[in-house]
PDB file of N, CA and C in Angstrom:
ATOM      1  N   UNK A   1     137.776  -6.413 -41.216  1.00  0.00           N
ATOM      2  CA  UNK A   1     138.394  -6.443 -42.109  1.00  0.00           C
ATOM      3  C   UNK A   1     140.174  -6.835 -41.124  1.00  0.00           C
ATOM      4  N   UNK A   2     141.114  -7.940 -41.919  1.00  0.00           N
ATOM      5  CA  UNK A   2     142.163  -8.518 -40.584  1.00  0.00           C
ATOM      6  C   UNK A   2     143.254  -7.741 -41.413  1.00  0.00           C
ATOM      7  N   UNK A   3     144.158  -7.750 -39.857  1.00  0.00           N
ATOM      8  CA  UNK A   3     145.560  -7.486 -40.430  1.00  0.00           C
ATOM      9  C   UNK A   3     146.356  -8.859 -39.747  1.00  0.00           C
ATOM     10  N   UNK A   4     147.003  -8.850 -40.975  1.00  0.00           N
ATOM     11  CA  UNK A   4     148.459 -10.397 -41.025  1.00  0.00           C
ATOM     12  C   UNK A   4     149.660 -10.408 -41.452  1.00  0.00           C
ATOM     13  N   UNK A   5     150.827 -10.467 -40.120  1.00  0.00           N
ATOM     14  CA  UNK A   5     151.889 -10.276 -40.326  1.00  0.00           C
ATOM     15  C   UNK A   5     152.144 -12.378 -41.210  1.00  0.00           C
ATOM     16  N   UNK A   6     153.072 -12.158 -41.905  1.00  0.00           N
ATOM     17  CA  UNK A   6     153.924 -13.104 -42.308  1.00  0.00           C
ATOM     18  C   UNK A   6     155.623 -13.518 -42.865  1.00  0.00           C
ATOM     19  N   UNK A   7     155.712 -14.471 -42.551  1.00  0.00           N
ATOM     20  CA  UNK A   7     157.304 -14.523 -42.939  1.00  0.00           C
ATOM     21  C   UNK A   7     157.059 -15.799 -43.363  1.00  0.00           C
ATOM     22  N   UNK A   8     158.004 -15.799 -44.349  1.00  0.00           N
ATOM     23  CA  UNK A   8     157.668 -16.969 -45.105  1.00  0.00           C
ATOM     24  C   UNK A   8     159.140 -18.059 -45.419  1.00  0.00           C
ATOM     25  N   UNK A   9     159.576 -18.910 -44.792  1.00  0.00           N
ATOM     26  CA  UNK A   9     161.279 -18.690 -45.163  1.00  0.00           C
ATOM     27  C   UNK A   9     161.536 -20.153 -45.903  1.00  0.00           C
ATOM     28  N   UNK A  10     162.734 -19.878 -46.720  1.00  0.00           N
ATOM     29  CA  UNK A  10     162.429 -21.481 -47.387  1.00  0.00           C
ATOM     30  C   UNK A  10     163.315 -21.771 -46.537  1.00  0.00           C
ATOM     31  N   UNK A  11     163.285 -22.674 -46.565  1.00  0.00           N
ATOM     32  CA  UNK A  11     165.259 -24.023 -45.765  1.00  0.00           C
ATOM     33  C   UNK A  11     165.400 -25.572 -47.220  1.00  0.00           C
ATOM     34  N   UNK A  12     166.705 -24.738 -47.101  1.00  0.00           N
ATOM     35  CA  UNK A  12     167.066 -26.166 -47.438  1.00  0.00           C
ATOM     36  C   UNK A  12     168.196 -26.194 -49.376  1.00  0.00           C
ATOM     37  N   UNK A  13     167.564 -24.797 -49.199  1.00  0.00           N
ATOM     38  CA  UNK A  13     168.193 -24.023 -50.091  1.00  0.00           C
ATOM     39  C   UNK A  13     170.123 -24.312 -51.398  1.00  0.00           C
ATOM     40  N   UNK A  14     169.870 -24.519 -49.403  1.00  0.00           N
ATOM     41  CA  UNK A  14     171.714 -24.298 -49.785  1.00  0.00           C
ATOM     42  C   UNK A  14     172.716 -22.993 -50.306  1.00  0.00           C
ATOM     43  N   UNK A  15     171.785 -21.988 -49.920  1.00  0.00           N
ATOM     44  CA  UNK A  15     172.624 -20.504 -50.204  1.00  0.00           C
ATOM     45  C   UNK A  15     171.727 -20.082 -48.628  1.00  0.00           C
ATOM     46  N   UNK A  16     172.840 -19.350 -47.930  1.00  0.00           N
ATOM     47  CA  UNK A  16     171.916 -18.321 -46.884  1.00  0.00           C
ATOM     48  C   UNK A  16     170.955 -16.917 -47.585  1.00  0.00           C
ATOM     49  N   UNK A  17     171.482 -16.849 -48.424  1.00  0.00           N
ATOM     50  CA  UNK A  17     170.191 -15.445 -48.936  1.00  0.00           C
ATOM     51  C   UNK A  17     168.563 -15.875 -49.132  1.00  0.00           C
ATOM     52  N   UNK A  18     167.998 -15.094 -48.824  1.00  0.00           N
ATOM     53  CA  UNK A  18     166.363 -15.698 -49.150  1.00  0.00           C
ATOM     54  C   UNK A  18     165.678 -14.778 -49.987  1.00  0.00           C
ATOM     55  N   UNK A  19     166.814 -12.701 -50.489  1.00  0.00           N
ATOM     56  CA  UNK A  19     166.281 -12.763 -51.634  1.00  0.00           C
ATOM     57  C   UNK A  19     165.340 -13.027 -52.181  1.00  0.00           C
ATOM     58  N   UNK A  20     165.603 -13.465 -53.756  1.00  0.00           N
ATOM     59  CA  UNK A  20     164.552 -14.277 -54.742  1.00  0.00           C
ATOM     60  C   UNK A  20     163.195 -15.201 -53.990  1.00  0.00           C
ATOM     61  N   UNK A  21     163.074 -15.487 -53.109  1.00  0.00           N
ATOM     62  CA  UNK A  21     162.345 -15.838 -52.592  1.00  0.00           C
ATOM     63  C   UNK A  21     161.736 -15.207 -51.886  1.00  0.00           C
ATOM     64  N   UNK A  22     161.711 -13.975 -51.731  1.00  0.00           N
ATOM     65  CA  UNK A  22     160.928 -12.790 -51.113  1.00  0.00           C
ATOM     66  C   UNK A  22     160.270 -12.206 -52.055  1.00  0.00           C
ATOM     67  N   UNK A  23     161.058 -11.857 -53.006  1.00  0.00           N
ATOM     68  CA  UNK A  23     161.038 -11.388 -54.362  1.00  0.00           C
ATOM     69  C   UNK A  23     159.594 -12.474 -55.543  1.00  0.00           C
ATOM     70  N   UNK A  24     159.653 -13.454 -55.700  1.00  0.00           N
ATOM     71  CA  UNK A  24     158.547 -14.052 -55.519  1.00  0.00           C
ATOM     72  C   UNK A  24     157.373 -14.225 -55.017  1.00  0.00           C
ATOM     73  N   UNK A  25     157.458 -14.271 -54.006  1.00  0.00           N
ATOM     74  CA  UNK A  25     155.954 -13.839 -53.034  1.00  0.00           C
ATOM     75  C   UNK A  25     156.032 -12.065 -52.821  1.00  0.00           C
ATOM     76  N   UNK A  26     156.937 -11.693 -52.771  1.00  0.00           N
ATOM     77  CA  UNK A  26     156.218 -10.026 -53.214  1.00  0.00           C
ATOM     78  C   UNK A  26     155.336 -10.136 -54.763  1.00  0.00           C
ATOM     79  N   UNK A  27     156.250 -10.940 -55.597  1.00  0.00           N
ATOM     80  CA  UNK A  27     154.604 -11.167 -57.082  1.00  0.00           C
ATOM     81  C   UNK A  27     154.035 -11.025 -56.617  1.00  0.00           C
ATOM     82  N   UNK A  28     153.751 -12.264 -55.974  1.00  0.00           N
ATOM     83  CA  UNK A  28     152.083 -12.293 -55.929  1.00  0.00           C
ATOM     84  C   UNK A  28     150.900 -11.624 -55.139  1.00  0.00           C
ATOM     85  N   UNK A  29     152.098 -10.822 -54.620  1.00  0.00           N
ATOM     86  CA  UNK A  29     151.383  -9.963 -53.390  1.00  0.00           C
ATOM     87  C   UNK A  29     150.625  -8.965 -54.544  1.00  0.00           C
ATOM     88  N   UNK A  30     151.737  -8.187 -55.111  1.00  0.00           N
ATOM     89  CA  UNK A  30     150.885  -7.010 -56.357  1.00  0.00           C
ATOM     90  C   UNK A  30     150.384  -7.359 -57.474  1.00  0.00           C
ATOM     91  N   UNK A  31     150.038  -8.950 -57.586  1.00  0.00           N
ATOM     92  CA  UNK A  31     148.767  -9.339 -58.392  1.00  0.00           C
ATOM     93  C   UNK A  31     147.386  -9.042 -57.963  1.00  0.00           C
ATOM     94  N   UNK A  32     147.846  -8.994 -56.438  1.00  0.00           N
ATOM     95  CA  UNK A  32     147.067  -9.433 -55.382  1.00  0.00           C
ATOM     96  C   UNK A  32     145.919  -7.800 -55.820  1.00  0.00           C
ATOM     97  N   UNK A  33     145.282  -8.200 -56.093  1.00  0.00           N
ATOM     98  CA  UNK A  33     144.339  -6.186 -55.648  1.00  0.00           C
ATOM     99  C   UNK A  33     143.174  -6.559 -54.643  1.00  0.00           C
ATOM    100  N   UNK A  34     143.149  -7.762 -54.699  1.00  0.00           N
ATOM    101  CA  UNK A  34     141.928  -7.946 -53.062  1.00  0.00           C
ATOM    102  C   UNK A  34     142.221  -7.177 -51.641  1.00  0.00           C
ATOM    103  N   UNK A  35     143.804  -7.371 -51.735  1.00  0.00           N
ATOM    104  CA  UNK A  35     143.882  -7.035 -50.606  1.00  0.00           C
ATOM    105  C   UNK A  35     144.996  -6.000 -50.670  1.00  0.00           C
ATOM    106  N   UNK A  36     145.709  -4.740 -49.514  1.00  0.00           N
ATOM    107  CA  UNK A  36     146.721  -4.274 -49.158  1.00  0.00           C
ATOM    108  C   UNK A  36     147.613  -4.616 -48.551  1.00  0.00           C
ATOM    109  N   UNK A  37     149.045  -4.269 -48.528  1.00  0.00           N
ATOM    110  CA  UNK A  37     150.194  -5.421 -47.941  1.00  0.00           C
ATOM    111  C   UNK A  37     151.376  -4.261 -47.480  1.00  0.00           C
ATOM    112  N   UNK A  38     152.222  -4.851 -46.710  1.00  0.00           N
ATOM    113  CA  UNK A  38     153.479  -3.702 -46.599  1.00  0.00           C
ATOM    114  C   UNK A  38     154.731  -4.801 -46.353  1.00  0.00           C
ATOM    115  N   UNK A  39     156.027  -4.630 -47.175  1.00  0.00           N
ATOM    116  CA  UNK A  39     156.312  -5.481 -46.687  1.00  0.00           C
ATOM    117  C   UNK A  39     157.890  -4.408 -45.355  1.00  0.00           C
ATOM    118  N   UNK A  40     158.259  -5.490 -45.262  1.00  0.00           N
ATOM    119  CA  UNK A  40     158.717  -4.953 -44.241  1.00  0.00           C
ATOM    120  C   UNK A  40     160.575  -6.159 -43.928  1.00  0.00           C
ATOM    121  N   UNK A  41     161.790  -5.538 -43.742  1.00  0.00           N
ATOM    122  CA  UNK A  41     162.881  -6.767 -43.363  1.00  0.00           C
ATOM    123  C   UNK A  41     162.901  -7.549 -43.269  1.00  0.00           C
ATOM    124  N   UNK A  42     161.822  -7.495 -42.218  1.00  0.00           N
ATOM    125  CA  UNK A  42     161.448  -9.627 -41.693  1.00  0.00           C
ATOM    126  C   UNK A  42     159.876 -10.310 -41.255  1.00  0.00           C
ATOM    127  N   UNK A  43     158.966  -9.246 -42.378  1.00  0.00           N
ATOM    128  CA  UNK A  43     158.144  -9.566 -42.120  1.00  0.00           C
ATOM    129  C   UNK A  43     156.956  -8.819 -43.428  1.00  0.00           C
ATOM    130  N   UNK A  44     155.831  -9.764 -43.664  1.00  0.00           N
ATOM    131  CA  UNK A  44     155.114  -8.806 -44.011  1.00  0.00           C
ATOM    132  C   UNK A  44     153.636  -8.332 -43.907  1.00  0.00           C
ATOM    133  N   UNK A  45     152.941  -7.800 -43.611  1.00  0.00           N
ATOM    134  CA  UNK A  45     151.950  -7.229 -43.237  1.00  0.00           C
ATOM    135  C   UNK A  45     150.268  -6.556 -44.041  1.00  0.00           C
ATOM    136  N   UNK A  46     150.266  -7.924 -44.508  1.00  0.00           N
ATOM    137  CA  UNK A  46     148.599  -8.030 -45.046  1.00  0.00           C
ATOM    138  C   UNK A  46     147.636  -7.435 -44.768  1.00  0.00           C
ATOM    139  N   UNK A  47     146.211  -6.677 -45.061  1.00  0.00           N
ATOM    140  CA  UNK A  47     145.371  -6.249 -44.611  1.00  0.00           C
ATOM    141  C   UNK A  47     144.399  -6.438 -45.543  1.00  0.00           C
ATOM    142  N   UNK A  48     142.438  -6.879 -44.872  1.00  0.00           N
ATOM    143  CA  UNK A  48     141.964  -7.487 -45.791  1.00  0.00           C
ATOM    144  C   UNK A  48     141.472  -8.282 -45.634  1.00  0.00           C
ATOM    145  N   UNK A  49     140.335  -9.479 -46.319  1.00  0.00           N
ATOM    146  CA  UNK A  49     139.066  -9.739 -45.941  1.00  0.00           C
ATOM    147  C   UNK A  49     140.038 -11.423 -45.226  1.00  0.00           C
ATOM    148  N   UNK A  50     140.016 -12.193 -44.401  1.00  0.00           N
ATOM    149  CA  UNK A  50     140.414 -12.859 -43.890  1.00  0.00           C
ATOM    150  C   UNK A  50     141.074 -14.478 -45.100  1.00  0.00           C
ATOM    151  N   UNK A  51     139.727 -14.882 -45.580  1.00  0.00           N
ATOM    152  CA  UNK A  51     140.242 -15.699 -46.620  1.00  0.00           C
ATOM    153  C   UNK A  51     140.578 -15.301 -47.563  1.00  0.00           C
ATOM    154  N   UNK A  52     140.535 -14.588 -47.734  1.00  0.00           N
ATOM    155  CA  UNK A  52     141.414 -13.910 -48.929  1.00  0.00           C
ATOM    156  C   UNK A  52     143.229 -13.267 -49.015  1.00  0.00           C
ATOM    157  N   UNK A  53     143.317 -12.917 -47.356  1.00  0.00           N
ATOM    158  CA  UNK A  53     144.333 -13.259 -46.584  1.00  0.00           C
ATOM    159  C   UNK A  53     145.173 -14.624 -46.860  1.00  0.00           C
ATOM    160  N   UNK A  54     144.498 -15.880 -46.142  1.00  0.00           N
ATOM    161  CA  UNK A  54     145.084 -17.017 -46.588  1.00  0.00           C
ATOM    162  C   UNK A  54     144.832 -17.576 -47.702  1.00  0.00           C
ATOM    163  N   UNK A  55     144.246 -16.911 -48.736  1.00  0.00           N
ATOM    164  CA  UNK A  55     143.871 -18.233 -49.734  1.00  0.00           C
ATOM    165  C   UNK A  55     145.741 -17.258 -50.974  1.00  0.00           C
ATOM    166  N   UNK A  56     146.230 -16.032 -50.275  1.00  0.00           N
ATOM    167  CA  UNK A  56     147.138 -14.975 -51.033  1.00  0.00           C
ATOM    168  C   UNK A  56     148.493 -16.033 -50.324  1.00  0.00           C
ATOM    169  N   UNK A  57     148.508 -16.160 -49.015  1.00  0.00           N
ATOM    170  CA  UNK A  57     149.379 -16.698 -48.191  1.00  0.00           C
ATOM    171  C   UNK A  57     150.384 -17.659 -48.878  1.00  0.00           C
ATOM    172  N   UNK A  58     148.872 -18.998 -49.292  1.00  0.00           N
ATOM    173  CA  UNK A  58     148.928 -20.187 -50.101  1.00  0.00           C
ATOM    174  C   UNK A  58     149.739 -20.210 -51.380  1.00  0.00           C
ATOM    175  N   UNK A  59     149.185 -18.980 -52.002  1.00  0.00           N
ATOM    176  CA  UNK A  59     149.848 -19.067 -53.230  1.00  0.00           C
ATOM    177  C   UNK A  59     151.725 -18.278 -53.224  1.00  0.00           C
ATOM    178  N   UNK A  60     151.654 -16.978 -52.048  1.00  0.00           N
ATOM    179  CA  UNK A  60     153.114 -16.831 -52.259  1.00  0.00           C
ATOM    180  C   UNK A  60     153.833 -18.730 -50.975  1.00  0.00           C
ATOM    181  N   UNK A  61     153.333 -19.122 -50.401  1.00  0.00           N
ATOM    182  CA  UNK A  61     154.219 -20.250 -50.320  1.00  0.00           C
ATOM    183  C   UNK A  61     154.602 -21.272 -51.243  1.00  0.00           C
ATOM    184  N   UNK A  62     153.499 -21.353 -52.638  1.00  0.00           N
ATOM    185  CA  UNK A  62     153.892 -22.483 -52.993  1.00  0.00           C
ATOM    186  C   UNK A  62     155.088 -21.008 -54.425  1.00  0.00           C
ATOM    187  N   UNK A  63     154.305 -20.056 -54.026  1.00  0.00           N
ATOM    188  CA  UNK A  63     155.858 -19.553 -55.495  1.00  0.00           C
ATOM    189  C   UNK A  63     157.210 -19.717 -54.574  1.00  0.00           C
ATOM    190  N   UNK A  64     157.039 -19.789 -53.257  1.00  0.00           N
ATOM    191  CA  UNK A  64     158.232 -20.248 -52.576  1.00  0.00           C
ATOM    192  C   UNK A  64     159.166 -21.658 -52.616  1.00  0.00           C
ATOM    193  N   UNK A  65     158.095 -22.899 -53.586  1.00  0.00           N
ATOM    194  CA  UNK A  65     158.301 -23.656 -53.156  1.00  0.00           C
ATOM    195  C   UNK A  65     158.758 -23.972 -55.398  1.00  0.00           C
ATOM    196  N   UNK A  66     158.523 -23.462 -55.489  1.00  0.00           N
ATOM    197  CA  UNK A  66     158.366 -23.476 -57.535  1.00  0.00           C
ATOM    198  C   UNK A  66     159.711 -23.400 -57.794  1.00  0.00           C
ATOM    199  N   UNK A  67     160.715 -22.372 -56.891  1.00  0.00           N
ATOM    200  CA  UNK A  67     161.942 -21.720 -56.737  1.00  0.00           C
ATOM    201  C   UNK A  67     162.591 -22.810 -56.005  1.00  0.00           C
ATOM    202  N   UNK A  68     162.260 -24.059 -56.070  1.00  0.00           N
ATOM    203  CA  UNK A  68     163.259 -25.431 -55.655  1.00  0.00           C
ATOM    204  C   UNK A  68     163.281 -25.541 -53.586  1.00  0.00           C
ATOM    205  N   UNK A  69     162.780 -24.411 -53.122  1.00  0.00           N
ATOM    206  CA  UNK A  69     162.482 -25.200 -51.620  1.00  0.00           C
ATOM    207  C   UNK A  69     161.998 -26.656 -51.534  1.00  0.00           C
ATOM    208  N   UNK A  70     162.846 -27.122 -50.839  1.00  0.00           N
ATOM    209  CA  UNK A  70     162.799 -28.182 -50.852  1.00  0.00           C
ATOM    210  C   UNK A  70     161.551 -28.366 -48.840  1.00  0.00           C
ATOM    211  N   UNK A  71     162.161 -27.500 -48.733  1.00  0.00           N
ATOM    212  CA  UNK A  71     161.067 -26.957 -46.675  1.00  0.00           C
ATOM    213  C   UNK A  71     160.527 -25.978 -46.811  1.00  0.00           C
ATOM    214  N   UNK A  72     159.237 -25.446 -46.349  1.00  0.00           N
ATOM    215  CA  UNK A  72     159.655 -23.771 -46.016  1.00  0.00           C
ATOM    216  C   UNK A  72     158.536 -23.662 -44.724  1.00  0.00           C
ATOM    217  N   UNK A  73     158.606 -23.200 -43.904  1.00  0.00           N
ATOM    218  CA  UNK A  73     158.711 -22.466 -42.617  1.00  0.00           C
ATOM    219  C   UNK A  73     157.978 -21.205 -42.580  1.00  0.00           C
ATOM    220  N   UNK A  74     156.435 -21.040 -42.057  1.00  0.00           N
ATOM    221  CA  UNK A  74     155.804 -19.908 -42.213  1.00  0.00           C
ATOM    222  C   UNK A  74     155.511 -19.403 -40.824  1.00  0.00           C
ATOM    223  N   UNK A  75     155.926 -18.427 -40.615  1.00  0.00           N
ATOM    224  CA  UNK A  75     155.491 -17.564 -39.197  1.00  0.00           C
ATOM    225  C   UNK A  75     153.811 -16.882 -39.434  1.00  0.00           C
ATOM    226  N   UNK A  76     152.991 -16.404 -39.223  1.00  0.00           N
ATOM    227  CA  UNK A  76     151.721 -16.183 -39.275  1.00  0.00           C
ATOM    228  C   UNK A  76     150.707 -15.644 -37.113  1.00  0.00           C
ATOM    229  N   UNK A  77     150.776 -14.291 -37.941  1.00  0.00           N
ATOM    230  CA  UNK A  77     150.041 -14.274 -37.035  1.00  0.00           C
ATOM    231  C   UNK A  77     148.637 -12.845 -37.253  1.00  0.00           C
ATOM    232  N   UNK A  78     147.227 -12.977 -36.723  1.00  0.00           N
ATOM    233  CA  UNK A  78     146.758 -12.823 -37.324  1.00  0.00           C
ATOM    234  C   UNK A  78     145.923 -11.972 -35.877  1.00  0.00           C
ATOM    235  N   UNK A  79     145.586 -11.004 -36.209  1.00  0.00           N
ATOM    236  CA  UNK A  79     144.735  -9.760 -35.510  1.00  0.00           C
ATOM    237  C   UNK A  79     143.894  -9.649 -36.814  1.00  0.00           C
ATOM    238  N   UNK A  80     142.353 -10.039 -36.153  1.00  0.00           N
ATOM    239  CA  UNK A  80     141.006 -10.746 -36.617  1.00  0.00           C
ATOM    240  C   UNK A  80     140.045  -9.358 -35.482  1.00  0.00           C
ATOM    241  N   UNK A  81     140.312  -8.463 -35.484  1.00  0.00           N
ATOM    242  CA  UNK A  81     139.673  -7.279 -34.582  1.00  0.00           C
ATOM    243  C   UNK A  81     138.107  -7.384 -35.388  1.00  0.00           C
ATOM    244  N   UNK A  82     137.245  -7.587 -34.544  1.00  0.00           N
ATOM    245  CA  UNK A  82     135.383  -8.095 -34.912  1.00  0.00           C
ATOM    246  C   UNK A  82     134.850  -6.839 -34.314  1.00  0.00           C
ATOM    247  N   UNK A  83     135.003  -6.073 -33.462  1.00  0.00           N
ATOM    248  CA  UNK A  83     134.470  -5.651 -32.839  1.00  0.00           C
ATOM    249  C   UNK A  83     134.606  -3.443 -33.832  1.00  0.00           C
ATOM    250  N   UNK A  84     135.259  -3.577 -34.098  1.00  0.00           N
ATOM    251  CA  UNK A  84     135.760  -2.140 -34.988  1.00  0.00           C
ATOM    252  C   UNK A  84     136.337  -2.439 -36.270  1.00  0.00           C
ATOM    253  N   UNK A  85     135.819  -1.483 -36.961  1.00  0.00           N
ATOM    254  CA  UNK A  85     137.074  -1.939 -38.303  1.00  0.00           C
ATOM    255  C   UNK A  85     138.830  -1.423 -37.566  1.00  0.00           C
ATOM    256  N   UNK A  86     139.705  -1.481 -38.252  1.00  0.00           N
ATOM    257  CA  UNK A  86     140.956  -2.005 -38.006  1.00  0.00           C
ATOM    258  C   UNK A  86     141.556  -1.752 -38.524  1.00  0.00           C
ATOM    259  N   UNK A  87     142.787  -1.213 -39.066  1.00  0.00           N
ATOM    260  CA  UNK A  87     143.472  -0.395 -40.485  1.00  0.00           C
ATOM    261  C   UNK A  87     144.571  -0.387 -39.648  1.00  0.00           C
ATOM    262  N   UNK A  88     145.712  -1.280 -41.035  1.00  0.00           N
ATOM    263  CA  UNK A  88     147.349  -1.218 -40.820  1.00  0.00           C
ATOM    264  C   UNK A  88     148.175   0.612 -40.305  1.00  0.00           C
ATOM    265  N   UNK A  89     147.175   1.312 -41.624  1.00  0.00           N
ATOM    266  CA  UNK A  89     147.717   2.702 -41.009  1.00  0.00           C
ATOM    267  C   UNK A  89     147.372   3.721 -39.943  1.00  0.00           C
ATOM    268  N   UNK A  90     145.794   2.984 -39.510  1.00  0.00           N
ATOM    269  CA  UNK A  90     145.722   3.715 -38.309  1.00  0.00           C
ATOM    270  C   UNK A  90     146.316   3.145 -36.972  1.00  0.00           C
ATOM    271  N   UNK A  91     146.285   2.194 -36.755  1.00  0.00           N
ATOM    272  CA  UNK A  91     147.439   0.799 -35.392  1.00  0.00           C
ATOM    273  C   UNK A  91     147.864   2.468 -35.609  1.00  0.00           C
ATOM    274  N   UNK A  92     148.910   2.040 -36.902  1.00  0.00           N
ATOM    275  CA  UNK A  92     150.403   2.817 -36.890  1.00  0.00           C
ATOM    276  C   UNK A  92     150.581   4.189 -35.633  1.00  0.00           C
ATOM    277  N   UNK A  93     149.001   4.734 -36.631  1.00  0.00           N
ATOM    278  CA  UNK A  93     148.584   6.545 -36.617  1.00  0.00           C
ATOM    279  C   UNK A  93     148.245   6.503 -34.641  1.00  0.00           C
ATOM    280  N   UNK A  94     147.862   5.680 -34.220  1.00  0.00           N
ATOM    281  CA  UNK A  94     147.381   5.301 -32.892  1.00  0.00           C
ATOM    282  C   UNK A  94     148.105   5.347 -32.210  1.00  0.00           C
ATOM    283  N   UNK A  95     149.419   4.903 -32.070  1.00  0.00           N
ATOM    284  CA  UNK A  95     150.397   4.793 -31.370  1.00  0.00           C
ATOM    285  C   UNK A  95     151.187   5.844 -31.914  1.00  0.00           C
ATOM    286  N   UNK A  96     151.115   6.670 -33.143  1.00  0.00           N
ATOM    287  CA  UNK A  96     152.298   7.542 -33.492  1.00  0.00           C
ATOM    288  C   UNK A  96     151.513   8.923 -32.183  1.00  0.00           C
ATOM    289  N   UNK A  97     150.205   9.541 -32.648  1.00  0.00           N
ATOM    290  CA  UNK A  97     149.977  10.234 -31.464  1.00  0.00           C
ATOM    291  C   UNK A  97     149.129   9.907 -30.138  1.00  0.00           C
ATOM    292  N   UNK A  98     149.917   8.390 -29.622  1.00  0.00           N
ATOM    293  CA  UNK A  98     149.997   8.380 -28.024  1.00  0.00           C
ATOM    294  C   UNK A  98     152.434   9.150 -27.788  1.00  0.00           C
ATOM    295  N   UNK A  99     152.909   8.959 -28.652  1.00  0.00           N
ATOM    296  CA  UNK A  99     154.086   9.129 -28.594  1.00  0.00           C
ATOM    297  C   UNK A  99     154.109  11.329 -28.545  1.00  0.00           C
ATOM    298  N   UNK A 100     152.751  11.356 -29.098  1.00  0.00           N
ATOM    299  CA  UNK A 100     152.898  13.126 -28.899  1.00  0.00           C
ATOM    300  C   UNK A 100     152.971  13.597 -27.952  1.00  0.00           C
ATOM    301  N   UNK A 101     152.000  12.348 -27.018  1.00  0.00           N
ATOM    302  CA  UNK A 101     151.363  13.183 -25.717  1.00  0.00           C
ATOM    303  C   UNK A 101     152.666  12.979 -24.486  1.00  0.00           C
TER     304      UNK A 101
END
């Protein structure tokens, strides 16, 4: 299972706000039962099978384009841990545990 951070930024929209584009990408995630995700202020973190994640990122990218973005810049960071199962909540819990030590 992979954990991926993604930020999809529309460019050339003529406005500084991106919330409607973020909402369009979020709607794609809500319709996708194969993955788990969490939206944060700067990135969205997605957990699941790597192929499924890349498929949903492409759909998110297209949703932003459909709103009229003439250029889109995306940043994708992949954590594909293969030695043992990985979970975004477990990663946070591990850090929280260490903070209490």
